Amino acid sequence: MDPHHLRLLRELGERGSVAAVARAMHITPSAVSQQLNTLQRSARVPLTERHGRRLVLTPAGRALAAAAVEVMAALDRAARAVGDHLDAPDTPVSLAAFHSAGLTWFAPLIQRLSESGGPPVRCSDEDVAHADFPALVGDHDLVLAHRLAHSPPWPADRLAVIELIAEPLYVAMSAGHPLAANPRLTAAEAGAWPWISVHAGFPLEGVLAAIAASAGHPLEIRHRINDFTVAASVVAAGEVLALLPGLTTVPDPRLVLRPLADLPATRHIDVLARPEALHRAAVRTVVETLRSIVTPPDRHS
């Protein structure tokens, strides 16, 4: 089997359509289809099938695409067998992150790498739903992603997952809010007030659902705001509550953060990458620098 054909099969599984694969690979959709047909002739069972107007992988195709990850990693290791000295230390590394992570860590990461003579980093903020984080590794060397403890795990069969930090989530309110005097809040107390929610499908939505279930009634969702800095400004100006992360929220004297007493509320921040990306010395340097930065002082309030 041609490794290039295996890569096309893998890209189809991850990107979801022939057109998306063609755009990413800078070839025509017909060329993608022709090369997938060539791969199909070497297989004993169908690798793709039509699902409406889209071409999708069959179970056999998904199994081969997963094996293609190992093939790509093995080929990358072979290409670099001469040693890491062939990997120029000044090769740029692309990094994508959700907003609060970018706000907190992009600037110190860039500064630390510059001061230490590390590789240049190219940063991009990405506001996506939980399920869409894995797809970002197709366009970035490293992706900072977040998930709740009960969220589906990242697809480790095709991704390298590096656990970075577990971040507590707190109920945020204005400093003058009636609940601000409480050192901890129950779900019932928090559920009695109007809320800011993230948009549907985004991380943190599950914690709000748990608060509503524990309180015994739906929350009054007054606003839907994904950006934590925007949410914090709205919280500071009124009676609404919001969930804000304890380590990456910008300190604001107008805000008070309180933990939930009867519900676990934590998000896990992970680094996602294609396995072969971590064979690059420059990429590993960025990961290790991130690790050294993401060891914050205790900001529990």
C-alpha atoms as a PDB file:
ATOM      1  CA  MET A   1       0.000   0.000   0.000  1.00  0.00           C
ATOM      2  CA  ASP A   2       1.209   3.477  -0.901  1.00  0.00           C
ATOM      3  CA  PRO A   3       1.760   5.590   2.254  1.00  0.00           C
ATOM      4  CA  HIS A   4       0.339   8.599   0.412  1.00  0.00           C
ATOM      5  CA  HIS A   5      -2.899   6.706  -0.200  1.00  0.00           C
ATOM      6  CA  LEU A   6      -3.017   5.715   3.471  1.00  0.00           C
ATOM      7  CA  ARG A   7      -2.603   9.365   4.409  1.00  0.00           C
ATOM      8  CA  LEU A   8      -5.543  10.306   2.189  1.00  0.00           C
ATOM      9  CA  LEU A   9      -7.675   7.653   3.903  1.00  0.00           C
ATOM     10  CA  ARG A  10      -6.652   8.990   7.314  1.00  0.00           C
ATOM     11  CA  GLU A  11      -7.410  12.566   6.229  1.00  0.00           C
ATOM     12  CA  LEU A  12     -10.852  11.510   4.965  1.00  0.00           C
ATOM     13  CA  GLY A  13     -11.641   9.958   8.347  1.00  0.00           C
ATOM     14  CA  GLU A  14     -10.507  13.056  10.240  1.00  0.00           C
ATOM     15  CA  ARG A  15     -11.746  15.811   7.923  1.00  0.00           C
ATOM     16  CA  GLY A  16     -15.065  14.233   6.984  1.00  0.00           C
ATOM     17  CA  SER A  17     -15.290  14.885   3.240  1.00  0.00           C
ATOM     18  CA  VAL A  18     -13.368  14.480  -0.017  1.00  0.00           C
ATOM     19  CA  ALA A  19     -13.601  18.240  -0.583  1.00  0.00           C
ATOM     20  CA  ALA A  20     -12.002  18.992   2.809  1.00  0.00           C
ATOM     21  CA  VAL A  21      -9.195  16.508   2.105  1.00  0.00           C
ATOM     22  CA  ALA A  22      -8.607  18.087  -1.311  1.00  0.00           C
ATOM     23  CA  ARG A  23      -8.342  21.568   0.208  1.00  0.00           C
ATOM     24  CA  ALA A  24      -5.913  20.393   2.888  1.00  0.00           C
ATOM     25  CA  MET A  25      -3.725  18.453   0.459  1.00  0.00           C
ATOM     26  CA  HIS A  26      -3.879  21.111  -2.306  1.00  0.00           C
ATOM     27  CA  ILE A  27      -5.146  18.666  -4.915  1.00  0.00           C
ATOM     28  CA  THR A  28      -8.448  18.271  -6.724  1.00  0.00           C
ATOM     29  CA  PRO A  29     -11.363  16.240  -5.293  1.00  0.00           C
ATOM     30  CA  SER A  30     -11.180  13.967  -8.348  1.00  0.00           C
ATOM     31  CA  ALA A  31      -7.506  13.238  -7.590  1.00  0.00           C
ATOM     32  CA  VAL A  32      -8.453  12.312  -4.026  1.00  0.00           C
ATOM     33  CA  SER A  33     -11.175   9.971  -5.308  1.00  0.00           C
ATOM     34  CA  GLN A  34      -8.867   8.359  -7.865  1.00  0.00           C
ATOM     35  CA  GLN A  35      -6.152   7.661  -5.293  1.00  0.00           C
ATOM     36  CA  LEU A  36      -8.656   6.272  -2.804  1.00  0.00           C
ATOM     37  CA  ASN A  37      -9.931   3.982  -5.573  1.00  0.00           C
ATOM     38  CA  THR A  38      -6.358   2.791  -6.141  1.00  0.00           C
ATOM     39  CA  LEU A  39      -6.050   2.015  -2.432  1.00  0.00           C
ATOM     40  CA  GLN A  40      -9.391   0.211  -2.521  1.00  0.00           C
ATOM     41  CA  ARG A  41      -8.127  -2.151  -5.227  1.00  0.00           C
ATOM     42  CA  SER A  42      -5.439  -3.379  -2.813  1.00  0.00           C
ATOM     43  CA  ALA A  43      -7.975  -4.179  -0.070  1.00  0.00           C
ATOM     44  CA  ARG A  44     -10.232  -7.217   0.185  1.00  0.00           C
ATOM     45  CA  VAL A  45     -13.146  -5.364   1.771  1.00  0.00           C
ATOM     46  CA  PRO A  46     -14.723  -1.951   1.139  1.00  0.00           C
ATOM     47  CA  LEU A  47     -12.869   0.898   2.829  1.00  0.00           C
ATOM     48  CA  THR A  48     -15.410   3.634   2.055  1.00  0.00           C
ATOM     49  CA  GLU A  49     -19.128   3.922   1.465  1.00  0.00           C
ATOM     50  CA  ARG A  50     -21.662   6.576   0.569  1.00  0.00           C
ATOM     51  CA  HIS A  51     -23.585   8.194   3.415  1.00  0.00           C
ATOM     52  CA  GLY A  52     -26.014  10.495   1.654  1.00  0.00           C
ATOM     53  CA  ARG A  53     -23.830  12.717  -0.528  1.00  0.00           C
ATOM     54  CA  ARG A  54     -20.711  12.164   1.588  1.00  0.00           C
ATOM     55  CA  LEU A  55     -18.033   9.509   1.300  1.00  0.00           C
ATOM     56  CA  VAL A  56     -17.297   8.012   4.740  1.00  0.00           C
ATOM     57  CA  LEU A  57     -15.077   5.238   6.075  1.00  0.00           C
ATOM     58  CA  THR A  58     -16.404   1.746   6.677  1.00  0.00           C
ATOM     59  CA  PRO A  59     -15.340  -0.083   9.861  1.00  0.00           C
ATOM     60  CA  ALA A  60     -12.517  -1.657   7.844  1.00  0.00           C
ATOM     61  CA  GLY A  61     -11.580   1.771   6.533  1.00  0.00           C
ATOM     62  CA  ARG A  62     -11.469   3.191  10.047  1.00  0.00           C
ATOM     63  CA  ALA A  63      -9.235   0.312  11.158  1.00  0.00           C
ATOM     64  CA  LEU A  64      -6.852   0.940   8.267  1.00  0.00           C
ATOM     65  CA  ALA A  65      -6.891   4.696   8.943  1.00  0.00           C
ATOM     66  CA  ALA A  66      -5.920   4.013  12.567  1.00  0.00           C
ATOM     67  CA  ALA A  67      -3.068   1.801  11.350  1.00  0.00           C
ATOM     68  CA  ALA A  68      -2.043   4.603   8.989  1.00  0.00           C
ATOM     69  CA  VAL A  69      -1.303   6.751  12.052  1.00  0.00           C
ATOM     70  CA  GLU A  70       1.340   4.232  13.086  1.00  0.00           C
ATOM     71  CA  VAL A  71       2.674   4.099   9.520  1.00  0.00           C
ATOM     72  CA  MET A  72       3.027   7.894   9.395  1.00  0.00           C
ATOM     73  CA  ALA A  73       4.765   7.931  12.764  1.00  0.00           C
ATOM     74  CA  ALA A  74       7.111   5.119  11.696  1.00  0.00           C
ATOM     75  CA  LEU A  75       7.953   6.884   8.429  1.00  0.00           C
ATOM     76  CA  ASP A  76       8.616  10.092  10.327  1.00  0.00           C
ATOM     77  CA  ARG A  77      10.933   8.251  12.743  1.00  0.00           C
ATOM     78  CA  ALA A  78      12.762   6.692   9.787  1.00  0.00           C
ATOM     79  CA  ALA A  79      13.196  10.073   8.111  1.00  0.00           C
ATOM     80  CA  ARG A  80      14.717  11.419  11.311  1.00  0.00           C
ATOM     81  CA  ALA A  81      16.882   8.369  12.113  1.00  0.00           C
ATOM     82  CA  VAL A  82      20.064  10.362  11.470  1.00  0.00           C
ATOM     83  CA  GLY A  83      19.284  12.265  14.658  1.00  0.00           C
ATOM     84  CA  ASP A  84      17.532  15.257  16.097  1.00  0.00           C
ATOM     85  CA  HIS A  85      20.429  17.481  15.034  1.00  0.00           C
ATOM     86  CA  LEU A  86      18.865  17.446  11.569  1.00  0.00           C
ATOM     87  CA  ASP A  87      15.797  19.099  13.048  1.00  0.00           C
ATOM     88  CA  ALA A  88      16.651  22.801  13.036  1.00  0.00           C
ATOM     89  CA  PRO A  89      15.980  24.338  16.477  1.00  0.00           C
ATOM     90  CA  ASP A  90      14.539  27.482  14.892  1.00  0.00           C
ATOM     91  CA  THR A  91      11.785  25.695  12.977  1.00  0.00           C
ATOM     92  CA  PRO A  92       8.478  27.468  13.788  1.00  0.00           C
ATOM     93  CA  VAL A  93       5.897  25.548  15.825  1.00  0.00           C
ATOM     94  CA  SER A  94       2.186  26.297  15.392  1.00  0.00           C
ATOM     95  CA  LEU A  95       0.022  26.299  18.516  1.00  0.00           C
ATOM     96  CA  ALA A  96      -3.759  26.640  18.773  1.00  0.00           C
ATOM     97  CA  ALA A  97      -5.600  27.217  22.036  1.00  0.00           C
ATOM     98  CA  PHE A  98      -9.033  28.079  23.332  1.00  0.00           C
ATOM     99  CA  HIS A  99      -9.461  31.706  24.388  1.00  0.00           C
ATOM    100  CA  SER A 100      -8.725  31.657  28.114  1.00  0.00           C
ATOM    101  CA  ALA A 101      -5.641  29.476  27.627  1.00  0.00           C
ATOM    102  CA  GLY A 102      -4.375  31.784  24.900  1.00  0.00           C
ATOM    103  CA  LEU A 103      -4.999  34.847  27.040  1.00  0.00           C
ATOM    104  CA  THR A 104      -3.101  33.317  29.960  1.00  0.00           C
ATOM    105  CA  TRP A 105      -0.206  31.483  28.301  1.00  0.00           C
ATOM    106  CA  PHE A 106       0.486  32.787  24.776  1.00  0.00           C
ATOM    107  CA  ALA A 107       2.422  35.879  25.893  1.00  0.00           C
ATOM    108  CA  PRO A 108       4.618  34.179  28.555  1.00  0.00           C
ATOM    109  CA  LEU A 109       5.286  31.272  26.195  1.00  0.00           C
ATOM    110  CA  ILE A 110       6.439  33.577  23.405  1.00  0.00           C
ATOM    111  CA  GLN A 111       8.592  35.547  25.848  1.00  0.00           C
ATOM    112  CA  ARG A 112      10.125  32.467  27.504  1.00  0.00           C
ATOM    113  CA  LEU A 113      11.017  30.869  24.159  1.00  0.00           C
ATOM    114  CA  SER A 114      12.509  34.115  22.900  1.00  0.00           C
ATOM    115  CA  GLU A 115      14.639  34.542  26.014  1.00  0.00           C
ATOM    116  CA  SER A 116      15.858  30.940  25.948  1.00  0.00           C
ATOM    117  CA  GLY A 117      16.616  30.835  22.232  1.00  0.00           C
ATOM    118  CA  GLY A 118      13.809  28.344  21.654  1.00  0.00           C
ATOM    119  CA  PRO A 119      11.866  27.894  18.420  1.00  0.00           C
ATOM    120  CA  PRO A 120       9.503  30.641  17.256  1.00  0.00           C
ATOM    121  CA  VAL A 121       5.885  29.821  18.028  1.00  0.00           C
ATOM    122  CA  ARG A 122       2.941  30.768  15.823  1.00  0.00           C
ATOM    123  CA  CYS A 123      -0.178  31.175  17.976  1.00  0.00           C
ATOM    124  CA  SER A 124      -3.828  30.955  16.971  1.00  0.00           C
ATOM    125  CA  ASP A 125      -6.962  31.172  19.118  1.00  0.00           C
ATOM    126  CA  GLU A 126      -9.722  28.675  18.342  1.00  0.00           C
ATOM    127  CA  ASP A 127     -13.213  28.811  19.834  1.00  0.00           C
ATOM    128  CA  VAL A 128     -14.639  25.373  19.079  1.00  0.00           C
ATOM    129  CA  ALA A 129     -16.962  22.815  20.618  1.00  0.00           C
ATOM    130  CA  HIS A 130     -15.468  19.912  22.580  1.00  0.00           C
ATOM    131  CA  ALA A 131     -15.900  17.456  19.708  1.00  0.00           C
ATOM    132  CA  ASP A 132     -14.040  19.726  17.263  1.00  0.00           C
ATOM    133  CA  PHE A 133     -10.714  20.016  19.109  1.00  0.00           C
ATOM    134  CA  PRO A 134      -9.164  16.797  17.667  1.00  0.00           C
ATOM    135  CA  ALA A 135      -9.635  18.029  14.096  1.00  0.00           C
ATOM    136  CA  LEU A 136      -7.440  21.066  14.803  1.00  0.00           C
ATOM    137  CA  VAL A 137      -4.297  18.902  14.927  1.00  0.00           C
ATOM    138  CA  GLY A 138      -4.528  18.632  11.148  1.00  0.00           C
ATOM    139  CA  ASP A 139      -3.683  22.332  10.867  1.00  0.00           C
ATOM    140  CA  HIS A 140      -1.544  22.965  13.991  1.00  0.00           C
ATOM    141  CA  ASP A 141       1.451  21.197  15.523  1.00  0.00           C
ATOM    142  CA  LEU A 142      -0.011  21.498  19.030  1.00  0.00           C
ATOM    143  CA  VAL A 143      -3.537  22.147  20.277  1.00  0.00           C
ATOM    144  CA  LEU A 144      -4.468  23.213  23.799  1.00  0.00           C
ATOM    145  CA  ALA A 145      -7.885  21.669  24.462  1.00  0.00           C
ATOM    146  CA  HIS A 146     -10.119  21.434  27.503  1.00  0.00           C
ATOM    147  CA  ARG A 147     -12.646  18.848  28.633  1.00  0.00           C
ATOM    148  CA  LEU A 148     -14.707  18.037  31.694  1.00  0.00           C
ATOM    149  CA  ALA A 149     -13.990  14.932  33.754  1.00  0.00           C
ATOM    150  CA  HIS A 150     -17.073  13.146  32.401  1.00  0.00           C
ATOM    151  CA  SER A 151     -16.561  14.248  28.780  1.00  0.00           C
ATOM    152  CA  PRO A 152     -15.743  11.607  26.154  1.00  0.00           C
ATOM    153  CA  PRO A 153     -11.986  10.954  26.038  1.00  0.00           C
ATOM    154  CA  TRP A 154      -9.886  12.272  23.183  1.00  0.00           C
ATOM    155  CA  PRO A 155      -9.395   9.721  20.368  1.00  0.00           C
ATOM    156  CA  ALA A 156      -6.059   8.338  21.569  1.00  0.00           C
ATOM    157  CA  ASP A 157      -5.906   5.926  18.612  1.00  0.00           C
ATOM    158  CA  ARG A 158      -4.999   8.836  16.328  1.00  0.00           C
ATOM    159  CA  LEU A 159      -3.802  11.535  18.726  1.00  0.00           C
ATOM    160  CA  ALA A 160      -1.007  12.013  21.208  1.00  0.00           C
ATOM    161  CA  VAL A 161      -2.564  13.387  24.399  1.00  0.00           C
ATOM    162  CA  ILE A 162      -0.416  15.154  27.001  1.00  0.00           C
ATOM    163  CA  GLU A 163      -2.182  15.994  30.251  1.00  0.00           C
ATOM    164  CA  LEU A 164      -1.223  19.512  31.219  1.00  0.00           C
ATOM    165  CA  ILE A 165      -3.268  20.587  34.246  1.00  0.00           C
ATOM    166  CA  ALA A 166      -6.581  20.106  36.058  1.00  0.00           C
ATOM    167  CA  GLU A 167      -8.232  23.471  36.615  1.00  0.00           C
ATOM    168  CA  PRO A 168     -11.010  24.050  39.163  1.00  0.00           C
ATOM    169  CA  LEU A 169     -14.170  25.796  38.005  1.00  0.00           C
ATOM    170  CA  TYR A 170     -15.766  28.332  40.316  1.00  0.00           C
ATOM    171  CA  VAL A 171     -19.082  30.157  40.457  1.00  0.00           C
ATOM    172  CA  ALA A 172     -18.350  33.800  39.660  1.00  0.00           C
ATOM    173  CA  MET A 173     -20.451  36.688  40.946  1.00  0.00           C
ATOM    174  CA  SER A 174     -20.088  40.396  41.505  1.00  0.00           C
ATOM    175  CA  ALA A 175     -18.319  41.449  44.709  1.00  0.00           C
ATOM    176  CA  GLY A 176     -21.597  42.914  45.986  1.00  0.00           C
ATOM    177  CA  HIS A 177     -23.726  39.852  45.210  1.00  0.00           C
ATOM    178  CA  PRO A 178     -25.758  38.396  48.136  1.00  0.00           C
ATOM    179  CA  LEU A 179     -23.953  35.039  47.703  1.00  0.00           C
ATOM    180  CA  ALA A 180     -20.493  36.612  47.894  1.00  0.00           C
ATOM    181  CA  ALA A 181     -20.439  36.289  51.695  1.00  0.00           C
ATOM    182  CA  ASN A 182     -20.631  32.472  51.445  1.00  0.00           C
ATOM    183  CA  PRO A 183     -17.238  30.711  51.337  1.00  0.00           C
ATOM    184  CA  ARG A 184     -18.797  27.840  49.353  1.00  0.00           C
ATOM    185  CA  LEU A 185     -22.067  27.452  47.459  1.00  0.00           C
ATOM    186  CA  THR A 186     -24.499  24.604  47.066  1.00  0.00           C
ATOM    187  CA  ALA A 187     -26.091  23.882  43.715  1.00  0.00           C
ATOM    188  CA  ALA A 188     -29.451  24.896  45.186  1.00  0.00           C
ATOM    189  CA  GLU A 189     -28.090  28.305  46.185  1.00  0.00           C
ATOM    190  CA  ALA A 190     -26.455  28.871  42.818  1.00  0.00           C
ATOM    191  CA  GLY A 191     -29.473  27.556  40.924  1.00  0.00           C
ATOM    192  CA  ALA A 192     -31.739  30.231  42.380  1.00  0.00           C
ATOM    193  CA  TRP A 193     -30.034  32.991  40.362  1.00  0.00           C
ATOM    194  CA  PRO A 194     -29.869  33.816  36.644  1.00  0.00           C
ATOM    195  CA  TRP A 195     -26.856  32.524  34.726  1.00  0.00           C
ATOM    196  CA  ILE A 196     -24.538  33.081  31.817  1.00  0.00           C
ATOM    197  CA  SER A 197     -24.050  29.863  29.824  1.00  0.00           C
ATOM    198  CA  VAL A 198     -21.648  28.894  27.071  1.00  0.00           C
ATOM    199  CA  HIS A 199     -23.147  27.993  23.715  1.00  0.00           C
ATOM    200  CA  ALA A 200     -24.499  24.495  23.171  1.00  0.00           C
ATOM    201  CA  GLY A 201     -21.832  21.821  22.680  1.00  0.00           C
ATOM    202  CA  PHE A 202     -19.021  23.778  24.314  1.00  0.00           C
ATOM    203  CA  PRO A 203     -17.119  22.632  27.404  1.00  0.00           C
ATOM    204  CA  LEU A 204     -18.648  23.737  30.756  1.00  0.00           C
ATOM    205  CA  GLU A 205     -22.205  23.196  29.532  1.00  0.00           C
ATOM    206  CA  GLY A 206     -22.215  19.843  31.341  1.00  0.00           C
ATOM    207  CA  VAL A 207     -21.452  21.445  34.714  1.00  0.00           C
ATOM    208  CA  LEU A 208     -24.373  23.825  34.298  1.00  0.00           C
ATOM    209  CA  ALA A 209     -26.620  20.856  33.521  1.00  0.00           C
ATOM    210  CA  ALA A 210     -25.391  19.155  36.711  1.00  0.00           C
ATOM    211  CA  ILE A 211     -26.131  22.274  38.759  1.00  0.00           C
ATOM    212  CA  ALA A 212     -29.661  22.380  37.335  1.00  0.00           C
ATOM    213  CA  ALA A 213     -30.206  18.675  38.057  1.00  0.00           C
ATOM    214  CA  SER A 214     -28.952  19.042  41.624  1.00  0.00           C
ATOM    215  CA  ALA A 215     -31.023  22.185  42.178  1.00  0.00           C
ATOM    216  CA  GLY A 216     -34.118  20.363  40.908  1.00  0.00           C
ATOM    217  CA  HIS A 217     -35.109  22.852  38.212  1.00  0.00           C
ATOM    218  CA  PRO A 218     -33.758  24.331  34.962  1.00  0.00           C
ATOM    219  CA  LEU A 219     -31.408  27.269  35.303  1.00  0.00           C
ATOM    220  CA  GLU A 220     -32.528  30.656  34.078  1.00  0.00           C
ATOM    221  CA  ILE A 221     -30.063  31.207  31.254  1.00  0.00           C
ATOM    222  CA  ARG A 222     -30.044  34.922  30.621  1.00  0.00           C
ATOM    223  CA  HIS A 223     -27.001  35.169  28.342  1.00  0.00           C
ATOM    224  CA  ARG A 224     -24.888  32.830  26.199  1.00  0.00           C
ATOM    225  CA  ILE A 225     -21.268  33.972  26.095  1.00  0.00           C
ATOM    226  CA  ASN A 226     -18.256  31.794  25.294  1.00  0.00           C
ATOM    227  CA  ASP A 227     -15.481  34.295  25.990  1.00  0.00           C
ATOM    228  CA  PHE A 228     -14.696  34.290  29.723  1.00  0.00           C
ATOM    229  CA  THR A 229     -13.448  37.890  29.723  1.00  0.00           C
ATOM    230  CA  VAL A 230     -16.758  39.056  28.271  1.00  0.00           C
ATOM    231  CA  ALA A 231     -18.696  36.865  30.699  1.00  0.00           C
ATOM    232  CA  ALA A 232     -16.674  38.240  33.633  1.00  0.00           C
ATOM    233  CA  SER A 233     -17.494  41.818  32.672  1.00  0.00           C
ATOM    234  CA  VAL A 234     -21.218  41.028  32.540  1.00  0.00           C
ATOM    235  CA  VAL A 235     -21.060  39.182  35.877  1.00  0.00           C
ATOM    236  CA  ALA A 236     -19.268  42.110  37.524  1.00  0.00           C
ATOM    237  CA  ALA A 237     -22.016  44.499  36.460  1.00  0.00           C
ATOM    238  CA  GLY A 238     -25.106  42.662  37.699  1.00  0.00           C
ATOM    239  CA  GLU A 239     -26.806  39.768  39.452  1.00  0.00           C
ATOM    240  CA  VAL A 240     -26.016  36.965  36.986  1.00  0.00           C
ATOM    241  CA  LEU A 241     -23.666  34.095  37.818  1.00  0.00           C
ATOM    242  CA  ALA A 242     -21.226  32.273  35.553  1.00  0.00           C
ATOM    243  CA  LEU A 243     -18.725  29.451  35.738  1.00  0.00           C
ATOM    244  CA  LEU A 244     -15.176  30.747  35.443  1.00  0.00           C
ATOM    245  CA  PRO A 245     -11.890  28.819  35.593  1.00  0.00           C
ATOM    246  CA  GLY A 246      -9.826  29.302  38.712  1.00  0.00           C
ATOM    247  CA  LEU A 247      -6.370  29.491  37.108  1.00  0.00           C
ATOM    248  CA  THR A 248      -6.920  31.270  33.795  1.00  0.00           C
ATOM    249  CA  THR A 249      -9.424  33.922  34.839  1.00  0.00           C
ATOM    250  CA  VAL A 250      -7.870  37.392  34.903  1.00  0.00           C
ATOM    251  CA  PRO A 251      -8.045  38.700  38.519  1.00  0.00           C
ATOM    252  CA  ASP A 252     -10.677  41.422  38.895  1.00  0.00           C
ATOM    253  CA  PRO A 253     -11.559  43.121  42.201  1.00  0.00           C
ATOM    254  CA  ARG A 254     -15.151  43.411  41.002  1.00  0.00           C
ATOM    255  CA  LEU A 255     -15.476  39.601  40.963  1.00  0.00           C
ATOM    256  CA  VAL A 256     -15.712  36.918  43.624  1.00  0.00           C
ATOM    257  CA  LEU A 257     -15.110  33.228  42.806  1.00  0.00           C
ATOM    258  CA  ARG A 258     -16.654  30.551  45.009  1.00  0.00           C
ATOM    259  CA  PRO A 259     -16.342  26.731  44.774  1.00  0.00           C
ATOM    260  CA  LEU A 260     -19.359  24.451  44.643  1.00  0.00           C
ATOM    261  CA  ALA A 261     -19.719  22.469  47.868  1.00  0.00           C
ATOM    262  CA  ASP A 262     -21.784  19.572  46.525  1.00  0.00           C
ATOM    263  CA  LEU A 263     -20.639  19.110  42.917  1.00  0.00           C
ATOM    264  CA  PRO A 264     -17.211  18.385  41.423  1.00  0.00           C
ATOM    265  CA  ALA A 265     -16.342  21.128  38.957  1.00  0.00           C
ATOM    266  CA  THR A 266     -13.025  20.725  37.178  1.00  0.00           C
ATOM    267  CA  ARG A 267     -11.847  20.959  33.624  1.00  0.00           C
ATOM    268  CA  HIS A 268      -8.794  19.160  32.266  1.00  0.00           C
ATOM    269  CA  ILE A 269      -6.470  21.051  29.955  1.00  0.00           C
ATOM    270  CA  ASP A 270      -4.537  18.809  27.584  1.00  0.00           C
ATOM    271  CA  VAL A 271      -2.112  19.193  24.702  1.00  0.00           C
ATOM    272  CA  LEU A 272      -3.245  17.351  21.566  1.00  0.00           C
ATOM    273  CA  ALA A 273      -0.977  16.544  18.632  1.00  0.00           C
ATOM    274  CA  ARG A 274      -0.511  14.101  15.844  1.00  0.00           C
ATOM    275  CA  PRO A 275       1.948  11.465  17.132  1.00  0.00           C
ATOM    276  CA  GLU A 276       4.563  12.233  14.489  1.00  0.00           C
ATOM    277  CA  ALA A 277       4.649  15.920  15.458  1.00  0.00           C
ATOM    278  CA  LEU A 278       6.244  15.026  18.780  1.00  0.00           C
ATOM    279  CA  HIS A 279       9.263  13.535  16.999  1.00  0.00           C
ATOM    280  CA  ARG A 280      10.320  17.121  16.208  1.00  0.00           C
ATOM    281  CA  ALA A 281      12.701  18.566  18.754  1.00  0.00           C
ATOM    282  CA  ALA A 282      11.210  22.055  18.329  1.00  0.00           C
ATOM    283  CA  VAL A 283       7.714  20.779  19.137  1.00  0.00           C
ATOM    284  CA  ARG A 284       8.961  18.970  22.240  1.00  0.00           C
ATOM    285  CA  THR A 285      10.702  22.165  23.370  1.00  0.00           C
ATOM    286  CA  VAL A 286       7.428  24.080  23.151  1.00  0.00           C
ATOM    287  CA  VAL A 287       5.609  21.365  25.119  1.00  0.00           C
ATOM    288  CA  GLU A 288       8.218  21.379  27.881  1.00  0.00           C
ATOM    289  CA  THR A 289       8.176  25.182  28.036  1.00  0.00           C
ATOM    290  CA  LEU A 290       4.398  25.089  28.355  1.00  0.00           C
ATOM    291  CA  ARG A 291       4.737  22.615  31.212  1.00  0.00           C
ATOM    292  CA  SER A 292       7.121  24.951  33.023  1.00  0.00           C
ATOM    293  CA  ILE A 293       4.732  27.900  32.642  1.00  0.00           C
ATOM    294  CA  VAL A 294       1.530  26.059  33.544  1.00  0.00           C
ATOM    295  CA  THR A 295       2.474  25.558  37.187  1.00  0.00           C
ATOM    296  CA  PRO A 296       0.586  28.505  38.664  1.00  0.00           C
ATOM    297  CA  PRO A 297       0.527  29.867  42.197  1.00  0.00           C
ATOM    298  CA  ASP A 298      -2.547  29.083  44.290  1.00  0.00           C
ATOM    299  CA  ARG A 299      -5.217  31.592  43.313  1.00  0.00           C
ATOM    300  CA  HIS A 300      -8.097  30.061  45.259  1.00  0.00           C
ATOM    301  CA  SER A 301     -10.377  32.859  46.431  1.00  0.00           C
END
